[in-house]
Amino acid sequence: MEQIIIGTLEQGFMYAIMVLGVYLTFRVLDYADLTVDGSFTLGAAITATLITSGVNPWIATGMAVVGGSLAGVFTGILHAKFKITPLLSGILTMTALYSINLRVMGKANISLLRARTIFTDFANLPFMDKYSVLILTVIAVIVCCIFLYLFLRTEFGLAVRATGDNEEMIVSQGVNTQLVKIIGLSLSNGMVAFAGSFVAQNQQFADVGMGIGMIIVGLASVIIGEALIGNSSVGRTIIAVVFGAVVYRAVIALVLQLGLPPTDLKLVTAFIVIIALISPDLKQNLGRSGIWIKSRGKEG
């Protein structure tokens, strides 16, 4: 049981890094970016390829972040400079990344069994044998949360938030929203690729199809976190996003323990997103029903 809980937390925090990237585009920039499915795999592909080529895993992880950031820049240029819609620009980049990821890996998947990774390095530290993966992942999540929180409170971060809230207003203030979007998408996909690098090194393989459906996982985690904790402030929302990622992985782990085939996980994910999306309306309707029942009772 302990191993299941630890494994769930490890997966939850790893994917939380990706969810933070989705939050930056989906909630802050108000941009539905489908690049995520491709940049997640790109991070894994770059890391796996470099590690198997003998590159230091820490450098390989950093290069994965750079690769994901460049993918975000490309999406941003398609939208900002060439006026392609957010949805289509993300789809175009995601489609291109499928071939690029195959080119990077040279084949459909790469094994990292018995290869040196950041987790094997961290496990060699004193007292880091059993919980090394969890501790390193939590440290990475904390660093990403602090970075995102501080970034969104800078002058440029406020411009990013304002662009998502009211682009026409911020343009009238002389802000270059094209640059804001490009940088926002770059940061977002950099974090997504970072998560892909972590997952590949933890699972000890990279596969060209491992990023399929990541945008749905990210949206589900964001919505679940906001529904459970709220989004009244930037700090609270960032914590909610991380919490939502852990809860999502816990639900998936529970479903698997109940005997559901892994092939049905995408279906479960879709239902989780649907429930999370309609939950505010359900609460509102139930509240109205309660008020109506009380008023009828008083009249009786």
Foldseek 3Di string as FASTA:
>chain_A
DVVLLLVLLLQLLLLLLLLVLLCLCVPQQVFLALLLLLLLLQLLLQLLLCQVVPHASVVSLVVSLVVQLVLLLQLLCCCLVVVDHRVVSRVVSSVVSLVVSCVSNVHFKGFQVVTDHPQVVQCPDPPCPPNSSSVVSVVVLVVSLVVLVVCCPDPLNVLSNVNNVPVVVSVVVVDSVSVSSSNSSSNSSSSSSSSSNSVCVVVRMRGSRPSPCSSLLSLLLQLQLCVVQNPPDSSSSSVSSSVSSSVLSVVVSVVVVVPDDPVCVSVVSVVSNVCSVCVVVVVVVVVVVVVVVVVVVVVD
